[in-house]
Amino acid sequence: MTEATPIERYLARLGSALRGPRATKRDLLVEARDALVDATQAYTSQGPDREVGERRAVAEFGDLETIASAYQAELGLTQARRTSL
């Protein structure tokens, strides 16, 4: 069994921290993954190996608690919209 990558670990922790509509949560996690993969590719094009690139991308993306809080606010808005409809 292979060990999870830094991006996979970050996204798993982020996903566990979020509560709200599944589709919106999934979309936010896909968006985060895409941003992290793009950043990793930019770093690895400059020479570091993939592991180093992923660690840098995760560090640049932001503190998990801060990102989870921002994403949770988005999930809350989505839920509020659904409830009001």
PDB file of N, CA and C in Angstrom:
ATOM      1  N   MET A   1       0.848  -1.180   0.000  1.00  0.00           N
ATOM      2  CA  MET A   1       0.000   0.000   0.000  1.00  0.00           C
ATOM      3  C   MET A   1       0.892   1.241   0.000  1.00  0.00           C
ATOM      4  N   THR A   2       0.577   2.208  -0.853  1.00  0.00           N
ATOM      5  CA  THR A   2       1.403   3.404  -0.946  1.00  0.00           C
ATOM      6  C   THR A   2       0.977   4.436   0.084  1.00  0.00           C
ATOM      7  N   GLU A   3       1.947   5.211   0.498  1.00  0.00           N
ATOM      8  CA  GLU A   3       1.690   6.267   1.473  1.00  0.00           C
ATOM      9  C   GLU A   3       1.005   7.446   0.782  1.00  0.00           C
ATOM     10  N   ALA A   4       0.104   8.091   1.487  1.00  0.00           N
ATOM     11  CA  ALA A   4      -0.605   9.248   0.936  1.00  0.00           C
ATOM     12  C   ALA A   4       0.381  10.387   0.700  1.00  0.00           C
ATOM     13  N   THR A   5       0.134  11.136  -0.344  1.00  0.00           N
ATOM     14  CA  THR A   5       0.975  12.285  -0.674  1.00  0.00           C
ATOM     15  C   THR A   5       0.595  13.464   0.224  1.00  0.00           C
ATOM     16  N   PRO A   6       1.446  14.488   0.286  1.00  0.00           N
ATOM     17  CA  PRO A   6       1.094  15.671   1.071  1.00  0.00           C
ATOM     18  C   PRO A   6      -0.246  16.290   0.649  1.00  0.00           C
ATOM     19  N   ILE A   7      -0.513  16.317  -0.649  1.00  0.00           N
ATOM     20  CA  ILE A   7      -1.784  16.876  -1.130  1.00  0.00           C
ATOM     21  C   ILE A   7      -2.944  16.007  -0.655  1.00  0.00           C
ATOM     22  N   GLU A   8      -2.820  14.690  -0.788  1.00  0.00           N
ATOM     23  CA  GLU A   8      -3.896  13.794  -0.358  1.00  0.00           C
ATOM     24  C   GLU A   8      -4.169  13.923   1.141  1.00  0.00           C
ATOM     25  N   ARG A   9      -3.109  14.023   1.938  1.00  0.00           N
ATOM     26  CA  ARG A   9      -3.287  14.170   3.390  1.00  0.00           C
ATOM     27  C   ARG A   9      -3.985  15.495   3.719  1.00  0.00           C
ATOM     28  N   TYR A  10      -3.562  16.573   3.058  1.00  0.00           N
ATOM     29  CA  TYR A  10      -4.155  17.891   3.297  1.00  0.00           C
ATOM     30  C   TYR A  10      -5.640  17.877   2.930  1.00  0.00           C
ATOM     31  N   LEU A  11      -5.957  17.334   1.765  1.00  0.00           N
ATOM     32  CA  LEU A  11      -7.350  17.308   1.317  1.00  0.00           C
ATOM     33  C   LEU A  11      -8.215  16.412   2.205  1.00  0.00           C
ATOM     34  N   ALA A  12      -7.661  15.320   2.681  1.00  0.00           N
ATOM     35  CA  ALA A  12      -8.416  14.441   3.584  1.00  0.00           C
ATOM     36  C   ALA A  12      -8.741  15.181   4.876  1.00  0.00           C
ATOM     37  N   ARG A  13      -7.771  15.880   5.419  1.00  0.00           N
ATOM     38  CA  ARG A  13      -8.001  16.638   6.650  1.00  0.00           C
ATOM     39  C   ARG A  13      -8.995  17.772   6.400  1.00  0.00           C
ATOM     40  N   LEU A  14      -8.867  18.446   5.263  1.00  0.00           N
ATOM     41  CA  LEU A  14      -9.797  19.521   4.918  1.00  0.00           C
ATOM     42  C   LEU A  14     -11.204  18.972   4.771  1.00  0.00           C
ATOM     43  N   GLY A  15     -11.347  17.883   4.049  1.00  0.00           N
ATOM     44  CA  GLY A  15     -12.660  17.275   3.861  1.00  0.00           C
ATOM     45  C   GLY A  15     -13.298  16.860   5.176  1.00  0.00           C
ATOM     46  N   SER A  16     -12.499  16.344   6.098  1.00  0.00           N
ATOM     47  CA  SER A  16     -13.013  15.930   7.407  1.00  0.00           C
ATOM     48  C   SER A  16     -13.478  17.116   8.245  1.00  0.00           C
ATOM     49  N   ALA A  17     -12.881  18.272   8.002  1.00  0.00           N
ATOM     50  CA  ALA A  17     -13.212  19.467   8.785  1.00  0.00           C
ATOM     51  C   ALA A  17     -14.480  20.164   8.301  1.00  0.00           C
ATOM     52  N   LEU A  18     -14.931  19.842   7.096  1.00  0.00           N
ATOM     53  CA  LEU A  18     -16.058  20.558   6.504  1.00  0.00           C
ATOM     54  C   LEU A  18     -17.381  19.837   6.696  1.00  0.00           C
ATOM     55  N   ARG A  19     -18.426  20.626   6.925  1.00  0.00           N
ATOM     56  CA  ARG A  19     -19.791  20.110   7.049  1.00  0.00           C
ATOM     57  C   ARG A  19     -20.690  20.928   6.140  1.00  0.00           C
ATOM     58  N   GLY A  20     -21.565  20.257   5.430  1.00  0.00           N
ATOM     59  CA  GLY A  20     -22.493  20.973   4.566  1.00  0.00           C
ATOM     60  C   GLY A  20     -22.881  20.130   3.370  1.00  0.00           C
ATOM     61  N   PRO A  21     -23.515  20.780   2.398  1.00  0.00           N
ATOM     62  CA  PRO A  21     -23.993  20.061   1.207  1.00  0.00           C
ATOM     63  C   PRO A  21     -22.864  19.302   0.505  1.00  0.00           C
ATOM     64  N   ARG A  22     -23.082  18.023   0.279  1.00  0.00           N
ATOM     65  CA  ARG A  22     -22.042  17.163  -0.303  1.00  0.00           C
ATOM     66  C   ARG A  22     -21.529  17.656  -1.639  1.00  0.00           C
ATOM     67  N   ALA A  23     -22.418  18.085  -2.517  1.00  0.00           N
ATOM     68  CA  ALA A  23     -21.989  18.519  -3.851  1.00  0.00           C
ATOM     69  C   ALA A  23     -21.099  19.754  -3.765  1.00  0.00           C
ATOM     70  N   THR A  24     -21.465  20.687  -2.924  1.00  0.00           N
ATOM     71  CA  THR A  24     -20.665  21.899  -2.772  1.00  0.00           C
ATOM     72  C   THR A  24     -19.327  21.567  -2.125  1.00  0.00           C
ATOM     73  N   LYS A  25     -19.345  20.701  -1.132  1.00  0.00           N
ATOM     74  CA  LYS A  25     -18.109  20.274  -0.473  1.00  0.00           C
ATOM     75  C   LYS A  25     -17.191  19.599  -1.485  1.00  0.00           C
ATOM     76  N   ARG A  26     -17.752  18.719  -2.294  1.00  0.00           N
ATOM     77  CA  ARG A  26     -16.963  18.025  -3.328  1.00  0.00           C
ATOM     78  C   ARG A  26     -16.356  19.033  -4.302  1.00  0.00           C
ATOM     79  N   ASP A  27     -17.157  20.020  -4.729  1.00  0.00           N
ATOM     80  CA  ASP A  27     -16.659  21.039  -5.657  1.00  0.00           C
ATOM     81  C   ASP A  27     -15.516  21.848  -5.043  1.00  0.00           C
ATOM     82  N   LEU A  28     -15.642  22.196  -3.777  1.00  0.00           N
ATOM     83  CA  LEU A  28     -14.585  22.951  -3.104  1.00  0.00           C
ATOM     84  C   LEU A  28     -13.300  22.123  -2.998  1.00  0.00           C
ATOM     85  N   LEU A  29     -13.435  20.849  -2.713  1.00  0.00           N
ATOM     86  CA  LEU A  29     -12.259  19.986  -2.609  1.00  0.00           C
ATOM     87  C   LEU A  29     -11.598  19.766  -3.970  1.00  0.00           C
ATOM     88  N   VAL A  30     -12.397  19.669  -5.023  1.00  0.00           N
ATOM     89  CA  VAL A  30     -11.837  19.541  -6.378  1.00  0.00           C
ATOM     90  C   VAL A  30     -11.090  20.823  -6.746  1.00  0.00           C
ATOM     91  N   GLU A  31     -11.679  21.954  -6.420  1.00  0.00           N
ATOM     92  CA  GLU A  31     -11.037  23.244  -6.672  1.00  0.00           C
ATOM     93  C   GLU A  31      -9.703  23.340  -5.922  1.00  0.00           C
ATOM     94  N   ALA A  32      -9.702  22.923  -4.677  1.00  0.00           N
ATOM     95  CA  ALA A  32      -8.468  22.952  -3.879  1.00  0.00           C
ATOM     96  C   ALA A  32      -7.429  22.005  -4.474  1.00  0.00           C
ATOM     97  N   ARG A  33      -7.848  20.802  -4.851  1.00  0.00           N
ATOM     98  CA  ARG A  33      -6.919  19.833  -5.462  1.00  0.00           C
ATOM     99  C   ARG A  33      -6.309  20.410  -6.737  1.00  0.00           C
ATOM    100  N   ASP A  34      -7.140  20.997  -7.582  1.00  0.00           N
ATOM    101  CA  ASP A  34      -6.636  21.569  -8.829  1.00  0.00           C
ATOM    102  C   ASP A  34      -5.594  22.660  -8.563  1.00  0.00           C
ATOM    103  N   ALA A  35      -5.869  23.520  -7.594  1.00  0.00           N
ATOM    104  CA  ALA A  35      -4.924  24.589  -7.254  1.00  0.00           C
ATOM    105  C   ALA A  35      -3.618  24.003  -6.724  1.00  0.00           C
ATOM    106  N   LEU A  36      -3.721  22.979  -5.888  1.00  0.00           N
ATOM    107  CA  LEU A  36      -2.520  22.356  -5.329  1.00  0.00           C
ATOM    108  C   LEU A  36      -1.708  21.628  -6.395  1.00  0.00           C
ATOM    109  N   VAL A  37      -2.370  20.958  -7.308  1.00  0.00           N
ATOM    110  CA  VAL A  37      -1.674  20.259  -8.392  1.00  0.00           C
ATOM    111  C   VAL A  37      -0.987  21.277  -9.309  1.00  0.00           C
ATOM    112  N   ASP A  38      -1.675  22.373  -9.643  1.00  0.00           N
ATOM    113  CA  ASP A  38      -1.072  23.415 -10.478  1.00  0.00           C
ATOM    114  C   ASP A  38       0.168  24.000  -9.812  1.00  0.00           C
ATOM    115  N   ALA A  39       0.064  24.287  -8.521  1.00  0.00           N
ATOM    116  CA  ALA A  39       1.208  24.843  -7.795  1.00  0.00           C
ATOM    117  C   ALA A  39       2.355  23.837  -7.750  1.00  0.00           C
ATOM    118  N   THR A  40       2.034  22.569  -7.546  1.00  0.00           N
ATOM    119  CA  THR A  40       3.069  21.525  -7.531  1.00  0.00           C
ATOM    120  C   THR A  40       3.783  21.470  -8.866  1.00  0.00           C
ATOM    121  N   GLN A  41       3.031  21.528  -9.949  1.00  0.00           N
ATOM    122  CA  GLN A  41       3.642  21.489 -11.276  1.00  0.00           C
ATOM    123  C   GLN A  41       4.559  22.694 -11.502  1.00  0.00           C
ATOM    124  N   ALA A  42       4.150  23.845 -11.015  1.00  0.00           N
ATOM    125  CA  ALA A  42       4.993  25.034 -11.139  1.00  0.00           C
ATOM    126  C   ALA A  42       6.296  24.846 -10.355  1.00  0.00           C
ATOM    127  N   TYR A  43       6.199  24.311  -9.146  1.00  0.00           N
ATOM    128  CA  TYR A  43       7.401  24.083  -8.347  1.00  0.00           C
ATOM    129  C   TYR A  43       8.311  23.026  -8.965  1.00  0.00           C
ATOM    130  N   THR A  44       7.727  21.922  -9.424  1.00  0.00           N
ATOM    131  CA  THR A  44       8.565  20.845  -9.958  1.00  0.00           C
ATOM    132  C   THR A  44       9.196  21.222 -11.290  1.00  0.00           C
ATOM    133  N   SER A  45       8.620  22.181 -12.003  1.00  0.00           N
ATOM    134  CA  SER A  45       9.242  22.637 -13.249  1.00  0.00           C
ATOM    135  C   SER A  45      10.531  23.405 -12.962  1.00  0.00           C
ATOM    136  N   GLN A  46      10.698  23.823 -11.711  1.00  0.00           N
ATOM    137  CA  GLN A  46      11.893  24.561 -11.300  1.00  0.00           C
ATOM    138  C   GLN A  46      12.955  23.640 -10.706  1.00  0.00           C
ATOM    139  N   GLY A  47      12.672  22.353 -10.642  1.00  0.00           N
ATOM    140  CA  GLY A  47      13.695  21.431 -10.203  1.00  0.00           C
ATOM    141  C   GLY A  47      13.386  20.511  -9.039  1.00  0.00           C
ATOM    142  N   PRO A  48      12.659  20.949  -7.996  1.00  0.00           N
ATOM    143  CA  PRO A  48      12.428  20.040  -6.867  1.00  0.00           C
ATOM    144  C   PRO A  48      11.632  18.806  -7.289  1.00  0.00           C
ATOM    145  N   ASP A  49      11.805  17.714  -6.538  1.00  0.00           N
ATOM    146  CA  ASP A  49      11.016  16.523  -6.851  1.00  0.00           C
ATOM    147  C   ASP A  49       9.558  16.741  -6.441  1.00  0.00           C
ATOM    148  N   ARG A  50       8.714  15.812  -6.810  1.00  0.00           N
ATOM    149  CA  ARG A  50       7.274  15.960  -6.596  1.00  0.00           C
ATOM    150  C   ARG A  50       6.921  16.115  -5.115  1.00  0.00           C
ATOM    151  N   GLU A  51       7.548  15.331  -4.252  1.00  0.00           N
ATOM    152  CA  GLU A  51       7.256  15.409  -2.814  1.00  0.00           C
ATOM    153  C   GLU A  51       7.537  16.820  -2.284  1.00  0.00           C
ATOM    154  N   VAL A  52       8.671  17.364  -2.643  1.00  0.00           N
ATOM    155  CA  VAL A  52       9.032  18.721  -2.210  1.00  0.00           C
ATOM    156  C   VAL A  52       8.053  19.730  -2.810  1.00  0.00           C
ATOM    157  N   GLY A  53       7.720  19.554  -4.081  1.00  0.00           N
ATOM    158  CA  GLY A  53       6.771  20.445  -4.740  1.00  0.00           C
ATOM    159  C   GLY A  53       5.408  20.429  -4.071  1.00  0.00           C
ATOM    160  N   GLU A  54       4.944  19.241  -3.701  1.00  0.00           N
ATOM    161  CA  GLU A  54       3.647  19.132  -3.029  1.00  0.00           C
ATOM    162  C   GLU A  54       3.683  19.783  -1.655  1.00  0.00           C
ATOM    163  N   ARG A  55       4.746  19.556  -0.912  1.00  0.00           N
ATOM    164  CA  ARG A  55       4.855  20.184   0.414  1.00  0.00           C
ATOM    165  C   ARG A  55       4.845  21.707   0.300  1.00  0.00           C
ATOM    166  N   ARG A  56       5.555  22.234  -0.691  1.00  0.00           N
ATOM    167  CA  ARG A  56       5.559  23.686  -0.907  1.00  0.00           C
ATOM    168  C   ARG A  56       4.174  24.190  -1.301  1.00  0.00           C
ATOM    169  N   ALA A  57       3.507  23.451  -2.181  1.00  0.00           N
ATOM    170  CA  ALA A  57       2.169  23.856  -2.623  1.00  0.00           C
ATOM    171  C   ALA A  57       1.199  23.893  -1.455  1.00  0.00           C
ATOM    172  N   VAL A  58       1.254  22.876  -0.602  1.00  0.00           N
ATOM    173  CA  VAL A  58       0.373  22.820   0.564  1.00  0.00           C
ATOM    174  C   VAL A  58       0.678  23.985   1.510  1.00  0.00           C
ATOM    175  N   ALA A  59       1.947  24.248   1.747  1.00  0.00           N
ATOM    176  CA  ALA A  59       2.327  25.347   2.638  1.00  0.00           C
ATOM    177  C   ALA A  59       1.851  26.689   2.078  1.00  0.00           C
ATOM    178  N   GLU A  60       1.984  26.858   0.784  1.00  0.00           N
ATOM    179  CA  GLU A  60       1.560  28.105   0.140  1.00  0.00           C
ATOM    180  C   GLU A  60       0.041  28.246   0.132  1.00  0.00           C
ATOM    181  N   PHE A  61      -0.673  27.131   0.026  1.00  0.00           N
ATOM    182  CA  PHE A  61      -2.138  27.165  -0.057  1.00  0.00           C
ATOM    183  C   PHE A  61      -2.739  27.770   1.197  1.00  0.00           C
ATOM    184  N   GLY A  62      -2.157  27.432   2.330  1.00  0.00           N
ATOM    185  CA  GLY A  62      -2.627  28.055   3.562  1.00  0.00           C
ATOM    186  C   GLY A  62      -2.833  27.084   4.696  1.00  0.00           C
ATOM    187  N   ASP A  63      -2.858  27.659   5.866  1.00  0.00           N
ATOM    188  CA  ASP A  63      -3.108  26.923   7.096  1.00  0.00           C
ATOM    189  C   ASP A  63      -4.462  26.232   7.002  1.00  0.00           C
ATOM    190  N   LEU A  64      -4.494  24.969   7.371  1.00  0.00           N
ATOM    191  CA  LEU A  64      -5.716  24.176   7.246  1.00  0.00           C
ATOM    192  C   LEU A  64      -6.894  24.815   7.970  1.00  0.00           C
ATOM    193  N   GLU A  65      -6.686  25.307   9.168  1.00  0.00           N
ATOM    194  CA  GLU A  65      -7.789  25.907   9.928  1.00  0.00           C
ATOM    195  C   GLU A  65      -8.348  27.142   9.223  1.00  0.00           C
ATOM    196  N   THR A  66      -7.469  27.948   8.658  1.00  0.00           N
ATOM    197  CA  THR A  66      -7.905  29.157   7.948  1.00  0.00           C
ATOM    198  C   THR A  66      -8.692  28.798   6.696  1.00  0.00           C
ATOM    199  N   ILE A  67      -8.170  27.863   5.929  1.00  0.00           N
ATOM    200  CA  ILE A  67      -8.851  27.443   4.693  1.00  0.00           C
ATOM    201  C   ILE A  67     -10.174  26.768   5.025  1.00  0.00           C
ATOM    202  N   ALA A  68     -10.180  25.895   6.022  1.00  0.00           N
ATOM    203  CA  ALA A  68     -11.418  25.213   6.412  1.00  0.00           C
ATOM    204  C   ALA A  68     -12.468  26.223   6.847  1.00  0.00           C
ATOM    205  N   SER A  69     -12.069  27.243   7.561  1.00  0.00           N
ATOM    206  CA  SER A  69     -13.011  28.273   8.010  1.00  0.00           C
ATOM    207  C   SER A  69     -13.626  29.004   6.820  1.00  0.00           C
ATOM    208  N   ALA A  70     -12.801  29.365   5.855  1.00  0.00           N
ATOM    209  CA  ALA A  70     -13.303  30.064   4.659  1.00  0.00           C
ATOM    210  C   ALA A  70     -14.231  29.149   3.848  1.00  0.00           C
ATOM    211  N   TYR A  71     -13.824  27.911   3.671  1.00  0.00           N
ATOM    212  CA  TYR A  71     -14.661  26.970   2.923  1.00  0.00           C
ATOM    213  C   TYR A  71     -15.953  26.672   3.672  1.00  0.00           C
ATOM    214  N   GLN A  72     -15.878  26.582   4.999  1.00  0.00           N
ATOM    215  CA  GLN A  72     -17.076  26.319   5.790  1.00  0.00           C
ATOM    216  C   GLN A  72     -18.067  27.465   5.643  1.00  0.00           C
ATOM    217  N   ALA A  73     -17.566  28.690   5.562  1.00  0.00           N
ATOM    218  CA  ALA A  73     -18.445  29.842   5.351  1.00  0.00           C
ATOM    219  C   ALA A  73     -19.178  29.705   4.019  1.00  0.00           C
ATOM    220  N   GLU A  74     -18.480  29.268   2.991  1.00  0.00           N
ATOM    221  CA  GLU A  74     -19.110  29.051   1.683  1.00  0.00           C
ATOM    222  C   GLU A  74     -20.167  27.950   1.767  1.00  0.00           C
ATOM    223  N   LEU A  75     -19.855  26.875   2.462  1.00  0.00           N
ATOM    224  CA  LEU A  75     -20.832  25.800   2.640  1.00  0.00           C
ATOM    225  C   LEU A  75     -22.049  26.294   3.416  1.00  0.00           C
ATOM    226  N   GLY A  76     -21.836  27.141   4.406  1.00  0.00           N
ATOM    227  CA  GLY A  76     -22.941  27.697   5.182  1.00  0.00           C
ATOM    228  C   GLY A  76     -23.852  28.562   4.324  1.00  0.00           C
ATOM    229  N   LEU A  77     -23.241  29.353   3.444  1.00  0.00           N
ATOM    230  CA  LEU A  77     -24.053  30.180   2.545  1.00  0.00           C
ATOM    231  C   LEU A  77     -24.888  29.320   1.597  1.00  0.00           C
ATOM    232  N   THR A  78     -24.262  28.279   1.090  1.00  0.00           N
ATOM    233  CA  THR A  78     -24.986  27.363   0.186  1.00  0.00           C
ATOM    234  C   THR A  78     -26.162  26.719   0.913  1.00  0.00           C
ATOM    235  N   GLN A  79     -25.926  26.275   2.132  1.00  0.00           N
ATOM    236  CA  GLN A  79     -27.000  25.662   2.918  1.00  0.00           C
ATOM    237  C   GLN A  79     -28.116  26.662   3.212  1.00  0.00           C
ATOM    238  N   ALA A  80     -27.745  27.897   3.539  1.00  0.00           N
ATOM    239  CA  ALA A  80     -28.741  28.938   3.821  1.00  0.00           C
ATOM    240  C   ALA A  80     -29.591  29.223   2.578  1.00  0.00           C
ATOM    241  N   ARG A  81     -28.948  29.275   1.419  1.00  0.00           N
ATOM    242  CA  ARG A  81     -29.695  29.485   0.168  1.00  0.00           C
ATOM    243  C   ARG A  81     -30.687  28.355  -0.060  1.00  0.00           C
ATOM    244  N   ARG A  82     -30.228  27.130   0.138  1.00  0.00           N
ATOM    245  CA  ARG A  82     -31.110  25.962  -0.071  1.00  0.00           C
ATOM    246  C   ARG A  82     -32.286  26.004   0.904  1.00  0.00           C
ATOM    247  N   THR A  83     -32.009  26.355   2.139  1.00  0.00           N
ATOM    248  CA  THR A  83     -33.067  26.389   3.154  1.00  0.00           C
ATOM    249  C   THR A  83     -34.087  27.464   2.811  1.00  0.00           C
ATOM    250  N   SER A  84     -33.634  28.613   2.335  1.00  0.00           N
ATOM    251  CA  SER A  84     -34.559  29.703   2.036  1.00  0.00           C
ATOM    252  C   SER A  84     -35.428  29.420   0.820  1.00  0.00           C
ATOM    253  N   LEU A  85     -34.926  28.559  -0.073  1.00  0.00           N
ATOM    254  CA  LEU A  85     -35.722  28.196  -1.258  1.00  0.00           C
ATOM    255  C   LEU A  85     -36.798  27.213  -0.878  1.00  0.00           C
TER     256      LEU A  85
END
